[in-house]
Amino acid sequence: MLPEVFECPNCQRQFVVELVESASDRSVYCPQCKHYLGEKDLHFVLLSEIEELTERLRFERDRLEKDEAVYTMTDCDAELRTYGTEIHKVVSILRKTLADLDALKSTYR
């Protein structure tokens, strides 16, 4: 998980804020001008990471499903035909992973 990057609207300084480590450490202030910028929200960060990962995995799953359809139904090299017949294993793993991520995402809402 990546730390959050903030930019102060007063002094335009960008700085990195580490994730929440304790309940008392949630407020974010500019280190230069001490302007209050908001609260750290671990659930928001986790949801954002899960949504980004889900989007990338869905893209790959869709791409591989199309590959599977093309290479199993067309006349092609034996190598590509084997790829087409084995790709369902990867697609199955991606489907299970996406379901697990959706379940995890619902726990952080």
PDB file of N, CA and C in Angstrom:
ATOM      1  N   MET A   1       0.832  -1.164   0.000  1.00  0.00           N
ATOM      2  CA  MET A   1       0.000   0.000   0.000  1.00  0.00           C
ATOM      3  C   MET A   1       0.887   1.240   0.000  1.00  0.00           C
ATOM      4  N   LEU A   2       0.537   2.206  -0.805  1.00  0.00           N
ATOM      5  CA  LEU A   2       1.336   3.415  -0.918  1.00  0.00           C
ATOM      6  C   LEU A   2       0.859   4.471   0.066  1.00  0.00           C
ATOM      7  N   PRO A   3       1.783   5.280   0.594  1.00  0.00           N
ATOM      8  CA  PRO A   3       1.365   6.396   1.442  1.00  0.00           C
ATOM      9  C   PRO A   3       0.651   7.452   0.608  1.00  0.00           C
ATOM     10  N   GLU A   4      -0.124   8.283   1.269  1.00  0.00           N
ATOM     11  CA  GLU A   4      -0.878   9.321   0.570  1.00  0.00           C
ATOM     12  C   GLU A   4      -0.015  10.553   0.346  1.00  0.00           C
ATOM     13  N   VAL A   5      -0.236  11.230  -0.772  1.00  0.00           N
ATOM     14  CA  VAL A   5       0.467  12.472  -1.081  1.00  0.00           C
ATOM     15  C   VAL A   5      -0.543  13.610  -0.977  1.00  0.00           C
ATOM     16  N   PHE A   6      -0.190  14.626  -0.210  1.00  0.00           N
ATOM     17  CA  PHE A   6      -1.041  15.798  -0.040  1.00  0.00           C
ATOM     18  C   PHE A   6      -0.342  17.018  -0.602  1.00  0.00           C
ATOM     19  N   GLU A   7      -1.153  17.997  -1.005  1.00  0.00           N
ATOM     20  CA  GLU A   7      -0.615  19.300  -1.396  1.00  0.00           C
ATOM     21  C   GLU A   7      -1.354  20.355  -0.596  1.00  0.00           C
ATOM     22  N   CYS A   8      -0.599  21.214   0.065  1.00  0.00           N
ATOM     23  CA  CYS A   8      -1.189  22.270   0.871  1.00  0.00           C
ATOM     24  C   CYS A   8      -1.728  23.366  -0.051  1.00  0.00           C
ATOM     25  N   PRO A   9      -2.998  23.767   0.112  1.00  0.00           N
ATOM     26  CA  PRO A   9      -3.543  24.831  -0.736  1.00  0.00           C
ATOM     27  C   PRO A   9      -2.959  26.207  -0.408  1.00  0.00           C
ATOM     28  N   ASN A  10      -2.418  26.370   0.805  1.00  0.00           N
ATOM     29  CA  ASN A  10      -1.843  27.664   1.192  1.00  0.00           C
ATOM     30  C   ASN A  10      -0.457  27.881   0.605  1.00  0.00           C
ATOM     31  N   CYS A  11       0.434  26.928   0.822  1.00  0.00           N
ATOM     32  CA  CYS A  11       1.829  27.125   0.404  1.00  0.00           C
ATOM     33  C   CYS A  11       2.215  26.274  -0.805  1.00  0.00           C
ATOM     34  N   GLN A  12       1.293  25.471  -1.348  1.00  0.00           N
ATOM     35  CA  GLN A  12       1.503  24.613  -2.519  1.00  0.00           C
ATOM     36  C   GLN A  12       2.632  23.595  -2.329  1.00  0.00           C
ATOM     37  N   ARG A  13       2.955  23.281  -1.117  1.00  0.00           N
ATOM     38  CA  ARG A  13       3.986  22.276  -0.860  1.00  0.00           C
ATOM     39  C   ARG A  13       3.343  20.891  -0.905  1.00  0.00           C
ATOM     40  N   GLN A  14       4.014  19.965  -1.586  1.00  0.00           N
ATOM     41  CA  GLN A  14       3.560  18.577  -1.610  1.00  0.00           C
ATOM     42  C   GLN A  14       4.375  17.792  -0.595  1.00  0.00           C
ATOM     43  N   PHE A  15       3.698  16.878   0.093  1.00  0.00           N
ATOM     44  CA  PHE A  15       4.391  16.048   1.070  1.00  0.00           C
ATOM     45  C   PHE A  15       3.669  14.714   1.198  1.00  0.00           C
ATOM     46  N   VAL A  16       4.394  13.743   1.699  1.00  0.00           N
ATOM     47  CA  VAL A  16       3.886  12.380   1.839  1.00  0.00           C
ATOM     48  C   VAL A  16       3.433  12.179   3.277  1.00  0.00           C
ATOM     49  N   VAL A  17       2.270  11.575   3.425  1.00  0.00           N
ATOM     50  CA  VAL A  17       1.739  11.269   4.745  1.00  0.00           C
ATOM     51  C   VAL A  17       1.691   9.756   4.876  1.00  0.00           C
ATOM     52  N   GLU A  18       2.301   9.251   5.926  1.00  0.00           N
ATOM     53  CA  GLU A  18       2.279   7.812   6.172  1.00  0.00           C
ATOM     54  C   GLU A  18       0.879   7.382   6.590  1.00  0.00           C
ATOM     55  N   LEU A  19       0.601   6.111   6.475  1.00  0.00           N
ATOM     56  CA  LEU A  19      -0.709   5.595   6.845  1.00  0.00           C
ATOM     57  C   LEU A  19      -0.926   5.692   8.345  1.00  0.00           C
ATOM     58  N   VAL A  20      -2.166   5.565   8.756  1.00  0.00           N
ATOM     59  CA  VAL A  20      -2.532   5.679  10.163  1.00  0.00           C
ATOM     60  C   VAL A  20      -1.902   4.543  10.952  1.00  0.00           C
ATOM     61  N   GLU A  21      -1.198   4.907  12.012  1.00  0.00           N
ATOM     62  CA  GLU A  21      -0.598   3.891  12.875  1.00  0.00           C
ATOM     63  C   GLU A  21      -1.329   3.795  14.204  1.00  0.00           C
ATOM     64  N   SER A  22      -1.867   4.911  14.683  1.00  0.00           N
ATOM     65  CA  SER A  22      -2.633   4.885  15.925  1.00  0.00           C
ATOM     66  C   SER A  22      -3.844   5.797  15.778  1.00  0.00           C
ATOM     67  N   ALA A  23      -4.805   5.616  16.653  1.00  0.00           N
ATOM     68  CA  ALA A  23      -6.048   6.389  16.563  1.00  0.00           C
ATOM     69  C   ALA A  23      -5.814   7.875  16.824  1.00  0.00           C
ATOM     70  N   SER A  24      -4.782   8.223  17.573  1.00  0.00           N
ATOM     71  CA  SER A  24      -4.526   9.625  17.907  1.00  0.00           C
ATOM     72  C   SER A  24      -3.767  10.359  16.805  1.00  0.00           C
ATOM     73  N   ASP A  25      -3.347   9.647  15.777  1.00  0.00           N
ATOM     74  CA  ASP A  25      -2.481  10.215  14.745  1.00  0.00           C
ATOM     75  C   ASP A  25      -3.218  10.390  13.419  1.00  0.00           C
ATOM     76  N   ARG A  26      -4.476  10.829  13.439  1.00  0.00           N
ATOM     77  CA  ARG A  26      -5.279  10.881  12.220  1.00  0.00           C
ATOM     78  C   ARG A  26      -5.278  12.239  11.531  1.00  0.00           C
ATOM     79  N   SER A  27      -5.058  13.315  12.235  1.00  0.00           N
ATOM     80  CA  SER A  27      -5.107  14.651  11.638  1.00  0.00           C
ATOM     81  C   SER A  27      -3.889  14.904  10.773  1.00  0.00           C
ATOM     82  N   VAL A  28      -4.117  15.585   9.640  1.00  0.00           N
ATOM     83  CA  VAL A  28      -3.033  15.901   8.710  1.00  0.00           C
ATOM     84  C   VAL A  28      -2.861  17.417   8.669  1.00  0.00           C
ATOM     85  N   TYR A  29      -1.638  17.862   8.978  1.00  0.00           N
ATOM     86  CA  TYR A  29      -1.285  19.277   8.926  1.00  0.00           C
ATOM     87  C   TYR A  29      -0.111  19.456   7.980  1.00  0.00           C
ATOM     88  N   CYS A  30      -0.053  20.601   7.313  1.00  0.00           N
ATOM     89  CA  CYS A  30       1.083  20.916   6.451  1.00  0.00           C
ATOM     90  C   CYS A  30       2.315  21.090   7.329  1.00  0.00           C
ATOM     91  N   PRO A  31       3.422  20.425   6.999  1.00  0.00           N
ATOM     92  CA  PRO A  31       4.624  20.558   7.827  1.00  0.00           C
ATOM     93  C   PRO A  31       5.265  21.945   7.737  1.00  0.00           C
ATOM     94  N   GLN A  32       4.936  22.694   6.695  1.00  0.00           N
ATOM     95  CA  GLN A  32       5.555  24.011   6.522  1.00  0.00           C
ATOM     96  C   GLN A  32       4.735  25.120   7.186  1.00  0.00           C
ATOM     97  N   CYS A  33       3.446  25.223   6.845  1.00  0.00           N
ATOM     98  CA  CYS A  33       2.633  26.333   7.368  1.00  0.00           C
ATOM     99  C   CYS A  33       1.639  25.893   8.442  1.00  0.00           C
ATOM    100  N   LYS A  34       1.598  24.619   8.766  1.00  0.00           N
ATOM    101  CA  LYS A  34       0.745  24.035   9.809  1.00  0.00           C
ATOM    102  C   LYS A  34      -0.757  24.150   9.519  1.00  0.00           C
ATOM    103  N   HIS A  35      -1.119  24.322   8.250  1.00  0.00           N
ATOM    104  CA  HIS A  35      -2.528  24.396   7.842  1.00  0.00           C
ATOM    105  C   HIS A  35      -3.159  23.009   7.980  1.00  0.00           C
ATOM    106  N   TYR A  36      -4.366  22.944   8.574  1.00  0.00           N
ATOM    107  CA  TYR A  36      -5.086  21.681   8.727  1.00  0.00           C
ATOM    108  C   TYR A  36      -5.620  21.235   7.369  1.00  0.00           C
ATOM    109  N   LEU A  37      -5.337  19.979   6.989  1.00  0.00           N
ATOM    110  CA  LEU A  37      -5.730  19.479   5.669  1.00  0.00           C
ATOM    111  C   LEU A  37      -6.795  18.394   5.714  1.00  0.00           C
ATOM    112  N   GLY A  38      -7.025  17.800   6.851  1.00  0.00           N
ATOM    113  CA  GLY A  38      -8.041  16.759   6.931  1.00  0.00           C
ATOM    114  C   GLY A  38      -7.611  15.613   7.820  1.00  0.00           C
ATOM    115  N   GLU A  39      -8.314  14.509   7.656  1.00  0.00           N
ATOM    116  CA  GLU A  39      -8.072  13.316   8.453  1.00  0.00           C
ATOM    117  C   GLU A  39      -7.606  12.170   7.564  1.00  0.00           C
ATOM    118  N   LYS A  40      -6.711  11.363   8.095  1.00  0.00           N
ATOM    119  CA  LYS A  40      -6.300  10.142   7.393  1.00  0.00           C
ATOM    120  C   LYS A  40      -7.426   9.129   7.547  1.00  0.00           C
ATOM    121  N   ASP A  41      -7.718   8.439   6.487  1.00  0.00           N
ATOM    122  CA  ASP A  41      -8.792   7.454   6.516  1.00  0.00           C
ATOM    123  C   ASP A  41      -8.263   6.143   5.951  1.00  0.00           C
ATOM    124  N   LEU A  42      -7.915   5.237   6.837  1.00  0.00           N
ATOM    125  CA  LEU A  42      -7.342   3.961   6.427  1.00  0.00           C
ATOM    126  C   LEU A  42      -8.320   3.154   5.576  1.00  0.00           C
ATOM    127  N   HIS A  43      -9.604   3.204   5.931  1.00  0.00           N
ATOM    128  CA  HIS A  43     -10.593   2.457   5.152  1.00  0.00           C
ATOM    129  C   HIS A  43     -10.683   2.990   3.724  1.00  0.00           C
ATOM    130  N   PHE A  44     -10.615   4.304   3.556  1.00  0.00           N
ATOM    131  CA  PHE A  44     -10.639   4.894   2.221  1.00  0.00           C
ATOM    132  C   PHE A  44      -9.430   4.435   1.408  1.00  0.00           C
ATOM    133  N   VAL A  45      -8.259   4.426   2.038  1.00  0.00           N
ATOM    134  CA  VAL A  45      -7.038   4.006   1.345  1.00  0.00           C
ATOM    135  C   VAL A  45      -7.140   2.540   0.942  1.00  0.00           C
ATOM    136  N   LEU A  46      -7.602   1.692   1.853  1.00  0.00           N
ATOM    137  CA  LEU A  46      -7.741   0.265   1.542  1.00  0.00           C
ATOM    138  C   LEU A  46      -8.767   0.038   0.435  1.00  0.00           C
ATOM    139  N   LEU A  47      -9.897   0.731   0.506  1.00  0.00           N
ATOM    140  CA  LEU A  47     -10.906   0.596  -0.550  1.00  0.00           C
ATOM    141  C   LEU A  47     -10.361   1.044  -1.897  1.00  0.00           C
ATOM    142  N   SER A  48      -9.608   2.123  -1.908  1.00  0.00           N
ATOM    143  CA  SER A  48      -9.020   2.614  -3.162  1.00  0.00           C
ATOM    144  C   SER A  48      -8.057   1.595  -3.752  1.00  0.00           C
ATOM    145  N   GLU A  49      -7.222   1.007  -2.902  1.00  0.00           N
ATOM    146  CA  GLU A  49      -6.269  -0.005  -3.372  1.00  0.00           C
ATOM    147  C   GLU A  49      -7.001  -1.235  -3.907  1.00  0.00           C
ATOM    148  N   ILE A  50      -8.032  -1.677  -3.197  1.00  0.00           N
ATOM    149  CA  ILE A  50      -8.798  -2.849  -3.630  1.00  0.00           C
ATOM    150  C   ILE A  50      -9.497  -2.567  -4.957  1.00  0.00           C
ATOM    151  N   GLU A  51     -10.096  -1.378  -5.094  1.00  0.00           N
ATOM    152  CA  GLU A  51     -10.786  -1.032  -6.338  1.00  0.00           C
ATOM    153  C   GLU A  51      -9.821  -0.951  -7.516  1.00  0.00           C
ATOM    154  N   GLU A  52      -8.642  -0.397  -7.282  1.00  0.00           N
ATOM    155  CA  GLU A  52      -7.644  -0.313  -8.357  1.00  0.00           C
ATOM    156  C   GLU A  52      -7.181  -1.704  -8.779  1.00  0.00           C
ATOM    157  N   LEU A  53      -6.912  -2.551  -7.807  1.00  0.00           N
ATOM    158  CA  LEU A  53      -6.487  -3.919  -8.104  1.00  0.00           C
ATOM    159  C   LEU A  53      -7.598  -4.685  -8.821  1.00  0.00           C
ATOM    160  N   THR A  54      -8.828  -4.515  -8.378  1.00  0.00           N
ATOM    161  CA  THR A  54      -9.969  -5.178  -9.006  1.00  0.00           C
ATOM    162  C   THR A  54     -10.117  -4.757 -10.459  1.00  0.00           C
ATOM    163  N   GLU A  55      -9.947  -3.471 -10.709  1.00  0.00           N
ATOM    164  CA  GLU A  55     -10.058  -2.967 -12.084  1.00  0.00           C
ATOM    165  C   GLU A  55      -9.003  -3.596 -12.992  1.00  0.00           C
ATOM    166  N   ARG A  56      -7.766  -3.683 -12.510  1.00  0.00           N
ATOM    167  CA  ARG A  56      -6.694  -4.287 -13.322  1.00  0.00           C
ATOM    168  C   ARG A  56      -6.949  -5.770 -13.553  1.00  0.00           C
ATOM    169  N   LEU A  57      -7.398  -6.477 -12.513  1.00  0.00           N
ATOM    170  CA  LEU A  57      -7.662  -7.909 -12.659  1.00  0.00           C
ATOM    171  C   LEU A  57      -8.835  -8.174 -13.599  1.00  0.00           C
ATOM    172  N   ARG A  58      -9.869  -7.337 -13.542  1.00  0.00           N
ATOM    173  CA  ARG A  58     -11.002  -7.497 -14.468  1.00  0.00           C
ATOM    174  C   ARG A  58     -10.563  -7.284 -15.908  1.00  0.00           C
ATOM    175  N   PHE A  59      -9.715  -6.290 -16.118  1.00  0.00           N
ATOM    176  CA  PHE A  59      -9.199  -6.037 -17.458  1.00  0.00           C
ATOM    177  C   PHE A  59      -8.456  -7.270 -17.976  1.00  0.00           C
ATOM    178  N   GLU A  60      -7.580  -7.845 -17.155  1.00  0.00           N
ATOM    179  CA  GLU A  60      -6.820  -9.036 -17.565  1.00  0.00           C
ATOM    180  C   GLU A  60      -7.738 -10.231 -17.774  1.00  0.00           C
ATOM    181  N   ARG A  61      -8.719 -10.401 -16.898  1.00  0.00           N
ATOM    182  CA  ARG A  61      -9.660 -11.514 -17.058  1.00  0.00           C
ATOM    183  C   ARG A  61     -10.405 -11.400 -18.382  1.00  0.00           C
ATOM    184  N   ASP A  62     -10.906 -10.209 -18.686  1.00  0.00           N
ATOM    185  CA  ASP A  62     -11.628 -10.000 -19.944  1.00  0.00           C
ATOM    186  C   ASP A  62     -10.731 -10.264 -21.150  1.00  0.00           C
ATOM    187  N   ARG A  63      -9.499  -9.796 -21.075  1.00  0.00           N
ATOM    188  CA  ARG A  63      -8.548 -10.004 -22.174  1.00  0.00           C
ATOM    189  C   ARG A  63      -8.279 -11.494 -22.374  1.00  0.00           C
ATOM    190  N   LEU A  64      -8.063 -12.212 -21.277  1.00  0.00           N
ATOM    191  CA  LEU A  64      -7.772 -13.642 -21.380  1.00  0.00           C
ATOM    192  C   LEU A  64      -8.989 -14.436 -21.853  1.00  0.00           C
ATOM    193  N   GLU A  65     -10.185 -14.026 -21.450  1.00  0.00           N
ATOM    194  CA  GLU A  65     -11.390 -14.708 -21.938  1.00  0.00           C
ATOM    195  C   GLU A  65     -11.522 -14.558 -23.450  1.00  0.00           C
ATOM    196  N   LYS A  66     -11.195 -13.381 -23.964  1.00  0.00           N
ATOM    197  CA  LYS A  66     -11.225 -13.171 -25.414  1.00  0.00           C
ATOM    198  C   LYS A  66     -10.162 -14.024 -26.100  1.00  0.00           C
ATOM    199  N   ASP A  67      -8.963 -14.066 -25.515  1.00  0.00           N
ATOM    200  CA  ASP A  67      -7.901 -14.915 -26.068  1.00  0.00           C
ATOM    201  C   ASP A  67      -8.341 -16.368 -26.105  1.00  0.00           C
ATOM    202  N   GLU A  68      -8.953 -16.819 -25.024  1.00  0.00           N
ATOM    203  CA  GLU A  68      -9.404 -18.205 -24.948  1.00  0.00           C
ATOM    204  C   GLU A  68     -10.400 -18.504 -26.062  1.00  0.00           C
ATOM    205  N   ALA A  69     -11.338 -17.607 -26.274  1.00  0.00           N
ATOM    206  CA  ALA A  69     -12.346 -17.811 -27.318  1.00  0.00           C
ATOM    207  C   ALA A  69     -11.708 -17.842 -28.703  1.00  0.00           C
ATOM    208  N   VAL A  70     -10.756 -16.975 -28.943  1.00  0.00           N
ATOM    209  CA  VAL A  70     -10.116 -16.894 -30.260  1.00  0.00           C
ATOM    210  C   VAL A  70      -9.261 -18.123 -30.524  1.00  0.00           C
ATOM    211  N   TYR A  71      -8.425 -18.495 -29.575  1.00  0.00           N
ATOM    212  CA  TYR A  71      -7.455 -19.559 -29.830  1.00  0.00           C
ATOM    213  C   TYR A  71      -8.039 -20.960 -29.743  1.00  0.00           C
ATOM    214  N   THR A  72      -9.169 -21.139 -29.088  1.00  0.00           N
ATOM    215  CA  THR A  72      -9.767 -22.475 -29.062  1.00  0.00           C
ATOM    216  C   THR A  72     -10.688 -22.708 -30.249  1.00  0.00           C
ATOM    217  N   MET A  73     -11.182 -21.641 -30.873  1.00  0.00           N
ATOM    218  CA  MET A  73     -12.147 -21.796 -31.956  1.00  0.00           C
ATOM    219  C   MET A  73     -11.546 -21.625 -33.343  1.00  0.00           C
ATOM    220  N   THR A  74     -10.333 -21.132 -33.433  1.00  0.00           N
ATOM    221  CA  THR A  74      -9.743 -20.899 -34.750  1.00  0.00           C
ATOM    222  C   THR A  74      -8.629 -21.889 -35.018  1.00  0.00           C
ATOM    223  N   ASP A  75      -8.312 -22.011 -36.281  1.00  0.00           N
ATOM    224  CA  ASP A  75      -7.203 -22.871 -36.685  1.00  0.00           C
ATOM    225  C   ASP A  75      -5.913 -22.072 -36.525  1.00  0.00           C
ATOM    226  N   CYS A  76      -5.077 -22.501 -35.587  1.00  0.00           N
ATOM    227  CA  CYS A  76      -3.836 -21.771 -35.331  1.00  0.00           C
ATOM    228  C   CYS A  76      -2.734 -22.759 -34.972  1.00  0.00           C
ATOM    229  N   ASP A  77      -1.562 -22.233 -34.696  1.00  0.00           N
ATOM    230  CA  ASP A  77      -0.421 -23.072 -34.336  1.00  0.00           C
ATOM    231  C   ASP A  77      -0.757 -23.912 -33.106  1.00  0.00           C
ATOM    232  N   ALA A  78      -0.094 -25.054 -33.012  1.00  0.00           N
ATOM    233  CA  ALA A  78      -0.321 -25.938 -31.868  1.00  0.00           C
ATOM    234  C   ALA A  78       0.010 -25.234 -30.556  1.00  0.00           C
ATOM    235  N   GLU A  79       1.021 -24.406 -30.588  1.00  0.00           N
ATOM    236  CA  GLU A  79       1.436 -23.668 -29.393  1.00  0.00           C
ATOM    237  C   GLU A  79       0.312 -22.746 -28.905  1.00  0.00           C
ATOM    238  N   LEU A  80      -0.285 -22.001 -29.824  1.00  0.00           N
ATOM    239  CA  LEU A  80      -1.375 -21.094 -29.461  1.00  0.00           C
ATOM    240  C   LEU A  80      -2.641 -21.859 -29.091  1.00  0.00           C
ATOM    241  N   ARG A  81      -2.871 -22.988 -29.716  1.00  0.00           N
ATOM    242  CA  ARG A  81      -4.028 -23.808 -29.380  1.00  0.00           C
ATOM    243  C   ARG A  81      -3.893 -24.324 -27.944  1.00  0.00           C
ATOM    244  N   THR A  82      -2.693 -24.749 -27.572  1.00  0.00           N
ATOM    245  CA  THR A  82      -2.445 -25.193 -26.197  1.00  0.00           C
ATOM    246  C   THR A  82      -2.670 -24.043 -25.223  1.00  0.00           C
ATOM    247  N   TYR A  83      -2.186 -22.870 -25.585  1.00  0.00           N
ATOM    248  CA  TYR A  83      -2.406 -21.667 -24.775  1.00  0.00           C
ATOM    249  C   TYR A  83      -3.903 -21.437 -24.582  1.00  0.00           C
ATOM    250  N   GLY A  84      -4.666 -21.559 -25.649  1.00  0.00           N
ATOM    251  CA  GLY A  84      -6.109 -21.353 -25.588  1.00  0.00           C
ATOM    252  C   GLY A  84      -6.830 -22.375 -24.733  1.00  0.00           C
ATOM    253  N   THR A  85      -6.351 -23.616 -24.736  1.00  0.00           N
ATOM    254  CA  THR A  85      -7.019 -24.643 -23.936  1.00  0.00           C
ATOM    255  C   THR A  85      -6.615 -24.597 -22.464  1.00  0.00           C
ATOM    256  N   GLU A  86      -5.470 -24.030 -22.152  1.00  0.00           N
ATOM    257  CA  GLU A  86      -5.004 -23.962 -20.765  1.00  0.00           C
ATOM    258  C   GLU A  86      -5.373 -22.653 -20.069  1.00  0.00           C
ATOM    259  N   ILE A  87      -5.750 -21.662 -20.827  1.00  0.00           N
ATOM    260  CA  ILE A  87      -5.994 -20.331 -20.263  1.00  0.00           C
ATOM    261  C   ILE A  87      -7.179 -20.320 -19.299  1.00  0.00           C
ATOM    262  N   HIS A  88      -8.092 -21.289 -19.416  1.00  0.00           N
ATOM    263  CA  HIS A  88      -9.252 -21.323 -18.525  1.00  0.00           C
ATOM    264  C   HIS A  88      -8.849 -21.465 -17.063  1.00  0.00           C
ATOM    265  N   LYS A  89      -7.695 -22.071 -16.813  1.00  0.00           N
ATOM    266  CA  LYS A  89      -7.215 -22.213 -15.433  1.00  0.00           C
ATOM    267  C   LYS A  89      -6.893 -20.845 -14.830  1.00  0.00           C
ATOM    268  N   VAL A  90      -6.247 -20.006 -15.610  1.00  0.00           N
ATOM    269  CA  VAL A  90      -5.900 -18.659 -15.149  1.00  0.00           C
ATOM    270  C   VAL A  90      -7.162 -17.822 -14.979  1.00  0.00           C
ATOM    271  N   VAL A  91      -8.086 -17.935 -15.913  1.00  0.00           N
ATOM    272  CA  VAL A  91      -9.341 -17.182 -15.831  1.00  0.00           C
ATOM    273  C   VAL A  91     -10.116 -17.599 -14.580  1.00  0.00           C
ATOM    274  N   SER A  92     -10.107 -18.871 -14.271  1.00  0.00           N
ATOM    275  CA  SER A  92     -10.784 -19.365 -13.075  1.00  0.00           C
ATOM    276  C   SER A  92     -10.170 -18.769 -11.807  1.00  0.00           C
ATOM    277  N   ILE A  93      -8.854 -18.714 -11.764  1.00  0.00           N
ATOM    278  CA  ILE A  93      -8.161 -18.114 -10.617  1.00  0.00           C
ATOM    279  C   ILE A  93      -8.506 -16.632 -10.501  1.00  0.00           C
ATOM    280  N   LEU A  94      -8.538 -15.931 -11.626  1.00  0.00           N
ATOM    281  CA  LEU A  94      -8.882 -14.506 -11.608  1.00  0.00           C
ATOM    282  C   LEU A  94     -10.318 -14.293 -11.130  1.00  0.00           C
ATOM    283  N   ARG A  95     -11.239 -15.140 -11.551  1.00  0.00           N
ATOM    284  CA  ARG A  95     -12.633 -15.011 -11.107  1.00  0.00           C
ATOM    285  C   ARG A  95     -12.746 -15.198  -9.598  1.00  0.00           C
ATOM    286  N   LYS A  96     -12.048 -16.209  -9.075  1.00  0.00           N
ATOM    287  CA  LYS A  96     -12.080 -16.461  -7.628  1.00  0.00           C
ATOM    288  C   LYS A  96     -11.452 -15.296  -6.871  1.00  0.00           C
ATOM    289  N   THR A  97     -10.341 -14.790  -7.374  1.00  0.00           N
ATOM    290  CA  THR A  97      -9.668 -13.666  -6.729  1.00  0.00           C
ATOM    291  C   THR A  97     -10.552 -12.428  -6.726  1.00  0.00           C
ATOM    292  N   LEU A  98     -11.232 -12.166  -7.839  1.00  0.00           N
ATOM    293  CA  LEU A  98     -12.136 -11.016  -7.904  1.00  0.00           C
ATOM    294  C   LEU A  98     -13.290 -11.160  -6.912  1.00  0.00           C
ATOM    295  N   ALA A  99     -13.815 -12.360  -6.762  1.00  0.00           N
ATOM    296  CA  ALA A  99     -14.884 -12.590  -5.784  1.00  0.00           C
ATOM    297  C   ALA A  99     -14.368 -12.360  -4.367  1.00  0.00           C
ATOM    298  N   ASP A 100     -13.156 -12.827  -4.086  1.00  0.00           N
ATOM    299  CA  ASP A 100     -12.553 -12.612  -2.766  1.00  0.00           C
ATOM    300  C   ASP A 100     -12.321 -11.128  -2.495  1.00  0.00           C
ATOM    301  N   LEU A 101     -11.863 -10.394  -3.499  1.00  0.00           N
ATOM    302  CA  LEU A 101     -11.644  -8.956  -3.332  1.00  0.00           C
ATOM    303  C   LEU A 101     -12.958  -8.217  -3.109  1.00  0.00           C
ATOM    304  N   ASP A 102     -14.015  -8.619  -3.806  1.00  0.00           N
ATOM    305  CA  ASP A 102     -15.325  -7.993  -3.589  1.00  0.00           C
ATOM    306  C   ASP A 102     -15.819  -8.243  -2.167  1.00  0.00           C
ATOM    307  N   ALA A 103     -15.597  -9.449  -1.657  1.00  0.00           N
ATOM    308  CA  ALA A 103     -15.989  -9.759  -0.280  1.00  0.00           C
ATOM    309  C   ALA A 103     -15.167  -8.935   0.712  1.00  0.00           C
ATOM    310  N   LEU A 104     -13.878  -8.810   0.455  1.00  0.00           N
ATOM    311  CA  LEU A 104     -13.010  -8.015   1.326  1.00  0.00           C
ATOM    312  C   LEU A 104     -13.408  -6.546   1.292  1.00  0.00           C
ATOM    313  N   LYS A 105     -13.743  -6.065   0.106  1.00  0.00           N
ATOM    314  CA  LYS A 105     -14.145  -4.665  -0.053  1.00  0.00           C
ATOM    315  C   LYS A 105     -15.399  -4.360   0.768  1.00  0.00           C
ATOM    316  N   SER A 106     -16.321  -5.299   0.821  1.00  0.00           N
ATOM    317  CA  SER A 106     -17.555  -5.071   1.579  1.00  0.00           C
ATOM    318  C   SER A 106     -17.290  -4.981   3.085  1.00  0.00           C
ATOM    319  N   THR A 107     -16.202  -5.571   3.570  1.00  0.00           N
ATOM    320  CA  THR A 107     -15.888  -5.469   4.999  1.00  0.00           C
ATOM    321  C   THR A 107     -15.347  -4.096   5.370  1.00  0.00           C
ATOM    322  N   TYR A 108     -14.822  -3.347   4.406  1.00  0.00           N
ATOM    323  CA  TYR A 108     -14.270  -2.022   4.682  1.00  0.00           C
ATOM    324  C   TYR A 108     -15.262  -0.899   4.409  1.00  0.00           C
ATOM    325  N   ARG A 109     -16.449  -1.217   3.991  1.00  0.00           N
ATOM    326  CA  ARG A 109     -17.456  -0.164   3.730  1.00  0.00           C
ATOM    327  C   ARG A 109     -18.169   0.209   4.997  1.00  0.00           C
TER     328      ARG A 109
END
